[in-house]
Amino acid sequence: MSDKLRSMQVFVAAATARSFAAAAQALDMSPVMVGKHVQALELELGARLIERTTRRQSLTEIGAVYLERCRDVLAGVEAADRVAEHLRTEPQGSLRVSAPSTYGEQRLMPVIGAYAAKYPQVKLDLVLTNRVIDMAEEGVDVVIRSGSLVDSGLIARPLQSGRVLLGASPDYLKRHGTPRHPSDLEKHNCLVFSDWRPHAGWRFNKNGEQVEVAVRSAFTSNTGASLVSAAIAGMGVAMQADMLMEPALKEGKLVRLLPKWELPSRPMHILRRPEARPSAKVRSFVDFVLERLG
């Protein structure tokens, strides 16, 4: 509380009790300090608020009017504090969340649906993008990022890492054969994500043996979903996130390749700004996601 508001509070206590000593006891301060607060207000206003004698204290005409206004001001401050505390403890208001496109569509959306059902007072705005955004500049409250984190000063919590699977359609394998070793992929058309660095190889690991294959491709795309669709259409071999590959694998539209070889997984994190006391909407959303995807 500011010095001015504190002085108002002390003045109201002294005027109501009609005693500096009684006000001092109620506020846990000395009568001398009560007098200093009242004197500070009188000096600033240029008017006497309380007439003081050795036997009694009474409000002046200005003091009586000022007392009512002080009560209004202090009541307004208390109401504002209650509203702020309510917003901090009860999830409500607008919450802007950003996530990678595929992860947001496949993994996060079911969680967001459940969160919205539990906290209907929160208005959610989901931004799906694969670029690294500036949370402050773009007004984002919570962000999910894949890959290694840079030291951004944000509060990061780990989510389940994204698994990667390799697959091709039965028709493609019938025409081109089934690779038995990662090096066999050099003879195949591999469907490559266009956002990967040029000439990036596909890395495999099995029992300590590491192999990197310089794949060739006649088709690239900037979305994993289109690469999986291309694989289903028999255009080549796709290496994509399990969330995109598994439905087609279960339906027999794709065949999983080299299942005994491990493919690189991508770490996932959920991040928020470094606030000591985050709002209820941010805190509840982060906890909700961690409970289901952490």
Protein backbone atom coordinates (compact mmCIF):
# COMPACT_ATOMS: atom_id res chain seq x y z
CA MET A 1 0.00 0.00 0.00
CA SER A 2 1.33 3.47 -0.91
CA ASP A 3 2.17 6.07 1.75
CA LYS A 4 -0.89 8.15 0.77
CA LEU A 5 -3.28 5.21 1.02
CA ARG A 6 -1.69 4.13 4.30
CA SER A 7 -2.17 7.63 5.71
CA MET A 8 -5.82 7.53 4.60
CA GLN A 9 -6.26 4.21 6.36
CA VAL A 10 -4.73 5.58 9.57
CA PHE A 11 -6.87 8.74 9.35
CA VAL A 12 -10.06 6.68 8.95
CA ALA A 13 -9.13 4.56 11.98
CA ALA A 14 -8.32 7.61 14.10
CA ALA A 15 -11.46 9.48 13.03
CA THR A 16 -13.71 6.48 13.63
CA ALA A 17 -12.22 5.70 17.06
CA ARG A 18 -11.92 9.42 17.94
CA SER A 19 -8.63 8.50 19.56
CA PHE A 20 -5.07 8.27 18.30
CA ALA A 21 -4.30 5.73 21.03
CA ALA A 22 -7.19 3.45 20.05
CA ALA A 23 -6.27 3.72 16.35
CA ALA A 24 -2.64 2.96 17.19
CA GLN A 25 -3.65 -0.19 19.08
CA ALA A 26 -5.89 -1.37 16.23
CA LEU A 27 -3.19 -0.75 13.60
CA ASP A 28 -0.30 -2.05 15.74
CA MET A 29 1.67 1.21 15.64
CA SER A 30 2.52 3.98 18.09
CA PRO A 31 0.17 6.95 18.74
CA VAL A 32 3.01 9.22 17.60
CA MET A 33 3.07 7.47 14.20
CA VAL A 34 -0.72 7.83 13.92
CA GLY A 35 -0.32 11.55 14.51
CA LYS A 36 2.39 11.78 11.82
CA HIS A 37 0.14 10.13 9.21
CA VAL A 38 -2.70 12.52 9.99
CA GLN A 39 -0.33 15.51 9.95
CA ALA A 40 1.04 14.41 6.57
CA LEU A 41 -2.48 14.47 5.08
CA GLU A 42 -3.25 17.85 6.67
CA LEU A 43 0.00 19.30 5.35
CA GLU A 44 -0.71 18.03 1.84
CA LEU A 45 -4.32 19.27 1.90
CA GLY A 46 -3.47 22.56 3.62
CA ALA A 47 -6.39 22.09 6.03
CA ARG A 48 -7.04 20.77 9.50
CA LEU A 49 -8.84 17.40 9.53
CA ILE A 50 -9.02 16.64 13.26
CA GLU A 51 -9.22 19.15 16.09
CA ARG A 52 -7.07 17.86 18.91
CA THR A 53 -7.14 18.92 22.55
CA THR A 54 -5.86 17.26 25.67
CA ARG A 55 -9.37 15.92 26.41
CA ARG A 56 -10.99 15.12 23.07
CA GLN A 57 -10.64 14.87 19.33
CA SER A 58 -13.26 15.89 16.79
CA LEU A 59 -13.48 16.13 13.01
CA THR A 60 -13.47 19.48 11.32
CA GLU A 61 -16.02 20.18 8.59
CA ILE A 62 -13.38 19.38 5.94
CA GLY A 63 -12.31 16.34 7.95
CA ALA A 64 -15.86 14.91 7.96
CA VAL A 65 -16.20 15.23 4.17
CA TYR A 66 -12.69 13.90 3.60
CA LEU A 67 -13.43 10.92 5.87
CA GLU A 68 -16.29 9.74 3.63
CA ARG A 69 -14.18 10.10 0.51
CA CYS A 70 -11.32 8.17 2.13
CA ARG A 71 -13.71 5.38 3.01
CA ASP A 72 -14.86 5.25 -0.64
CA VAL A 73 -11.27 5.18 -1.91
CA LEU A 74 -10.19 2.43 0.49
CA ALA A 75 -13.29 0.36 -0.30
CA GLY A 76 -12.44 0.68 -4.00
CA VAL A 77 -8.89 -0.46 -3.38
CA GLU A 78 -10.10 -3.48 -1.40
CA ALA A 79 -12.56 -4.35 -4.18
CA ALA A 80 -9.80 -4.10 -6.79
CA ASP A 81 -7.58 -6.36 -4.67
CA ARG A 82 -10.39 -8.91 -4.40
CA VAL A 83 -10.91 -8.88 -8.18
CA ALA A 84 -7.17 -9.35 -8.80
CA GLU A 85 -7.00 -12.18 -6.27
CA HIS A 86 -10.05 -13.83 -7.85
CA LEU A 87 -8.43 -13.65 -11.29
CA ARG A 88 -5.24 -15.12 -9.84
CA THR A 89 -6.98 -18.03 -8.10
CA GLU A 90 -9.93 -18.78 -10.44
CA PRO A 91 -9.12 -19.72 -14.07
CA GLN A 92 -10.87 -17.22 -16.34
CA GLY A 93 -10.21 -14.73 -19.13
CA SER A 94 -8.38 -15.15 -22.44
CA LEU A 95 -5.54 -17.66 -22.75
CA ARG A 96 -3.38 -17.72 -25.90
CA VAL A 97 -1.47 -20.96 -26.54
CA SER A 98 1.01 -21.76 -29.30
CA ALA A 99 2.18 -25.21 -30.42
CA PRO A 100 3.76 -26.94 -33.43
CA SER A 101 1.13 -27.66 -36.09
CA THR A 102 1.10 -31.46 -36.06
CA TYR A 103 1.49 -31.74 -32.29
CA GLY A 104 -1.28 -29.21 -31.74
CA GLU A 105 -3.71 -30.96 -34.06
CA GLN A 106 -2.98 -34.54 -33.02
CA ARG A 107 -1.96 -34.43 -29.36
CA LEU A 108 -2.94 -31.10 -27.86
CA MET A 109 -6.47 -30.64 -29.22
CA PRO A 110 -8.02 -33.50 -27.20
CA VAL A 111 -6.41 -32.06 -24.07
CA ILE A 112 -7.66 -28.55 -24.89
CA GLY A 113 -11.16 -29.94 -25.34
CA ALA A 114 -11.06 -31.52 -21.89
CA TYR A 115 -9.61 -28.35 -20.36
CA ALA A 116 -12.33 -26.18 -21.93
CA ALA A 117 -15.00 -28.46 -20.51
CA LYS A 118 -13.52 -28.20 -17.01
CA TYR A 119 -12.82 -24.44 -17.13
CA PRO A 120 -15.59 -22.84 -19.25
CA GLN A 121 -14.66 -19.34 -18.05
CA VAL A 122 -11.37 -19.49 -19.98
CA LYS A 123 -11.47 -18.34 -23.61
CA LEU A 124 -8.81 -20.27 -25.53
CA ASP A 125 -6.91 -19.05 -28.61
CA LEU A 126 -4.69 -21.73 -30.17
CA VAL A 127 -1.94 -20.65 -32.58
CA LEU A 128 -0.39 -23.52 -34.56
CA THR A 129 2.99 -22.71 -36.10
CA ASN A 130 6.34 -24.44 -36.52
CA ARG A 131 8.36 -21.26 -36.08
CA VAL A 132 9.83 -20.09 -32.76
CA ILE A 133 7.69 -17.20 -31.57
CA ASP A 134 8.38 -14.34 -29.13
CA MET A 135 5.82 -14.87 -26.37
CA ALA A 136 5.82 -11.26 -25.16
CA GLU A 137 5.72 -9.73 -28.63
CA GLU A 138 2.88 -11.96 -29.85
CA GLY A 139 0.91 -12.00 -26.62
CA VAL A 140 1.20 -15.76 -26.03
CA ASP A 141 0.68 -17.06 -22.48
CA VAL A 142 1.83 -20.67 -22.94
CA VAL A 143 3.92 -22.24 -25.70
CA ILE A 144 4.82 -25.83 -26.57
CA ARG A 145 8.10 -26.32 -28.40
CA SER A 146 9.85 -29.31 -29.92
CA GLY A 147 13.58 -29.84 -30.13
CA SER A 148 16.38 -28.61 -27.89
CA LEU A 149 15.70 -25.48 -25.86
CA VAL A 150 17.82 -22.34 -25.92
CA ASP A 151 18.31 -20.36 -22.73
CA SER A 152 15.31 -18.05 -23.11
CA GLY A 153 14.64 -17.32 -19.44
CA LEU A 154 11.22 -19.02 -19.71
CA ILE A 155 9.95 -21.64 -17.27
CA ALA A 156 10.07 -24.99 -19.12
CA ARG A 157 8.56 -28.34 -18.12
CA PRO A 158 9.21 -31.54 -20.12
CA LEU A 159 6.48 -33.37 -22.03
CA GLN A 160 6.62 -36.85 -23.53
CA SER A 161 9.23 -36.94 -26.30
CA GLY A 162 7.93 -37.36 -29.81
CA ARG A 163 8.66 -40.83 -31.29
CA VAL A 164 9.49 -41.20 -34.97
CA LEU A 165 8.52 -44.18 -37.13
CA LEU A 166 9.51 -45.33 -40.61
CA GLY A 167 7.01 -46.74 -43.09
CA ALA A 168 5.95 -47.27 -46.70
CA SER A 169 2.86 -48.60 -48.46
CA PRO A 170 2.53 -52.31 -49.35
CA ASP A 171 2.32 -51.33 -53.03
CA TYR A 172 5.58 -49.35 -52.88
CA LEU A 173 7.39 -52.21 -51.14
CA LYS A 174 6.07 -54.69 -53.69
CA ARG A 175 7.56 -52.57 -56.47
CA HIS A 176 10.84 -51.54 -54.81
CA GLY A 177 11.53 -54.15 -52.16
CA THR A 178 11.67 -53.93 -48.37
CA PRO A 179 14.79 -52.38 -46.79
CA ARG A 180 16.46 -54.72 -44.27
CA HIS A 181 19.18 -52.30 -43.12
CA PRO A 182 19.23 -48.48 -42.94
CA SER A 183 21.83 -48.38 -45.71
CA ASP A 184 19.24 -49.97 -48.05
CA LEU A 185 17.33 -46.66 -47.94
CA GLU A 186 19.93 -45.13 -50.27
CA LYS A 187 18.21 -47.05 -53.07
CA HIS A 188 14.72 -45.80 -52.14
CA ASN A 189 12.77 -42.62 -52.66
CA CYS A 190 12.59 -41.07 -49.19
CA LEU A 191 9.92 -38.47 -48.47
CA VAL A 192 11.68 -35.54 -46.84
CA PHE A 193 10.43 -32.71 -44.64
CA SER A 194 11.41 -29.51 -46.46
CA ASP A 195 12.12 -27.61 -43.23
CA TRP A 196 15.00 -29.96 -42.40
CA ARG A 197 18.44 -28.66 -43.24
CA PRO A 198 19.56 -29.48 -46.80
CA HIS A 199 21.20 -32.88 -47.27
CA ALA A 200 20.38 -33.90 -43.70
CA GLY A 201 20.79 -37.65 -43.29
CA TRP A 202 18.44 -40.03 -41.52
CA ARG A 203 20.06 -41.37 -38.35
CA PHE A 204 19.50 -44.84 -36.88
CA ASN A 205 20.77 -46.60 -33.75
CA LYS A 206 20.70 -50.25 -32.66
CA ASN A 207 22.66 -51.67 -29.75
CA GLY A 208 25.25 -48.92 -30.01
CA GLU A 209 25.61 -49.19 -33.78
CA GLN A 210 24.88 -45.80 -35.34
CA VAL A 211 24.14 -45.33 -39.03
CA GLU A 212 23.43 -42.11 -40.92
CA VAL A 213 21.95 -42.48 -44.38
CA ALA A 214 22.19 -39.77 -47.03
CA VAL A 215 18.68 -40.22 -48.44
CA ARG A 216 17.46 -39.02 -51.84
CA SER A 217 14.00 -37.66 -52.48
CA ALA A 218 11.79 -36.79 -55.42
CA PHE A 219 9.16 -35.29 -53.10
CA THR A 220 9.41 -32.86 -50.18
CA SER A 221 6.77 -31.03 -48.16
CA ASN A 222 6.58 -28.70 -45.19
CA THR A 223 3.90 -30.75 -43.36
CA GLY A 224 4.18 -34.20 -41.90
CA ALA A 225 0.58 -35.05 -42.82
CA SER A 226 1.27 -34.55 -46.53
CA LEU A 227 4.38 -36.75 -46.34
CA VAL A 228 2.37 -39.54 -44.73
CA SER A 229 -0.30 -39.14 -47.42
CA ALA A 230 2.43 -39.39 -50.06
CA ALA A 231 3.69 -42.60 -48.47
CA ILE A 232 0.17 -44.05 -48.43
CA ALA A 233 -0.09 -43.15 -52.12
CA GLY A 234 3.00 -45.27 -52.81
CA MET A 235 5.40 -42.41 -53.50
CA GLY A 236 8.15 -43.55 -51.15
CA VAL A 237 9.36 -44.11 -47.59
CA ALA A 238 8.24 -41.70 -44.85
CA MET A 239 9.92 -41.01 -41.52
CA GLN A 240 7.39 -39.14 -39.42
CA ALA A 241 5.95 -38.69 -35.93
CA ASP A 242 4.15 -41.70 -34.47
CA MET A 243 0.99 -39.64 -34.02
CA LEU A 244 0.76 -39.32 -37.82
CA MET A 245 2.03 -42.77 -38.77
CA GLU A 246 0.18 -45.05 -36.34
CA PRO A 247 -3.36 -44.73 -37.79
CA ALA A 248 -2.14 -45.72 -41.27
CA LEU A 249 -0.02 -48.54 -39.82
CA LYS A 250 -2.99 -49.95 -37.89
CA GLU A 251 -5.18 -49.81 -41.00
CA GLY A 252 -2.55 -51.54 -43.11
CA LYS A 253 -2.11 -48.56 -45.40
CA LEU A 254 1.53 -48.44 -44.35
CA VAL A 255 4.03 -51.08 -43.25
CA ARG A 256 6.48 -50.23 -40.48
CA LEU A 257 10.09 -50.57 -41.58
CA LEU A 258 13.25 -51.36 -39.59
CA PRO A 259 11.34 -51.67 -36.26
CA LYS A 260 14.46 -52.86 -34.38
CA TRP A 261 16.31 -49.65 -35.19
CA GLU A 262 15.79 -46.56 -33.05
CA LEU A 263 15.08 -43.27 -34.75
CA PRO A 264 15.85 -39.87 -33.17
CA SER A 265 13.15 -38.62 -30.82
CA ARG A 266 12.39 -34.94 -30.42
CA PRO A 267 12.15 -33.51 -26.88
CA MET A 268 8.97 -31.57 -26.15
CA HIS A 269 8.47 -28.85 -23.55
CA ILE A 270 5.68 -26.62 -22.33
CA LEU A 271 6.84 -23.10 -21.42
CA ARG A 272 5.47 -20.05 -19.64
CA ARG A 273 6.88 -16.69 -18.65
CA PRO A 274 9.02 -16.51 -15.49
CA GLU A 275 6.35 -15.06 -13.19
CA ALA A 276 6.65 -15.85 -9.49
CA ARG A 277 2.85 -16.03 -9.18
CA PRO A 278 1.37 -16.96 -12.58
CA SER A 279 -2.32 -16.36 -13.16
CA ALA A 280 -4.77 -19.16 -12.44
CA LYS A 281 -5.51 -19.67 -16.14
CA VAL A 282 -1.82 -20.17 -16.97
CA ARG A 283 -1.09 -22.30 -13.93
CA SER A 284 -4.14 -24.52 -14.41
CA PHE A 285 -3.50 -25.02 -18.14
CA VAL A 286 0.17 -25.97 -17.68
CA ASP A 287 -0.74 -28.40 -14.89
CA PHE A 288 -3.58 -29.86 -16.96
CA VAL A 289 -1.31 -30.51 -19.97
CA LEU A 290 1.48 -31.95 -17.81
CA GLU A 291 -0.97 -34.36 -16.15
CA ARG A 292 -1.96 -35.77 -19.55
CA LEU A 293 1.10 -35.30 -21.75
CA GLY A 294 3.95 -34.90 -19.27
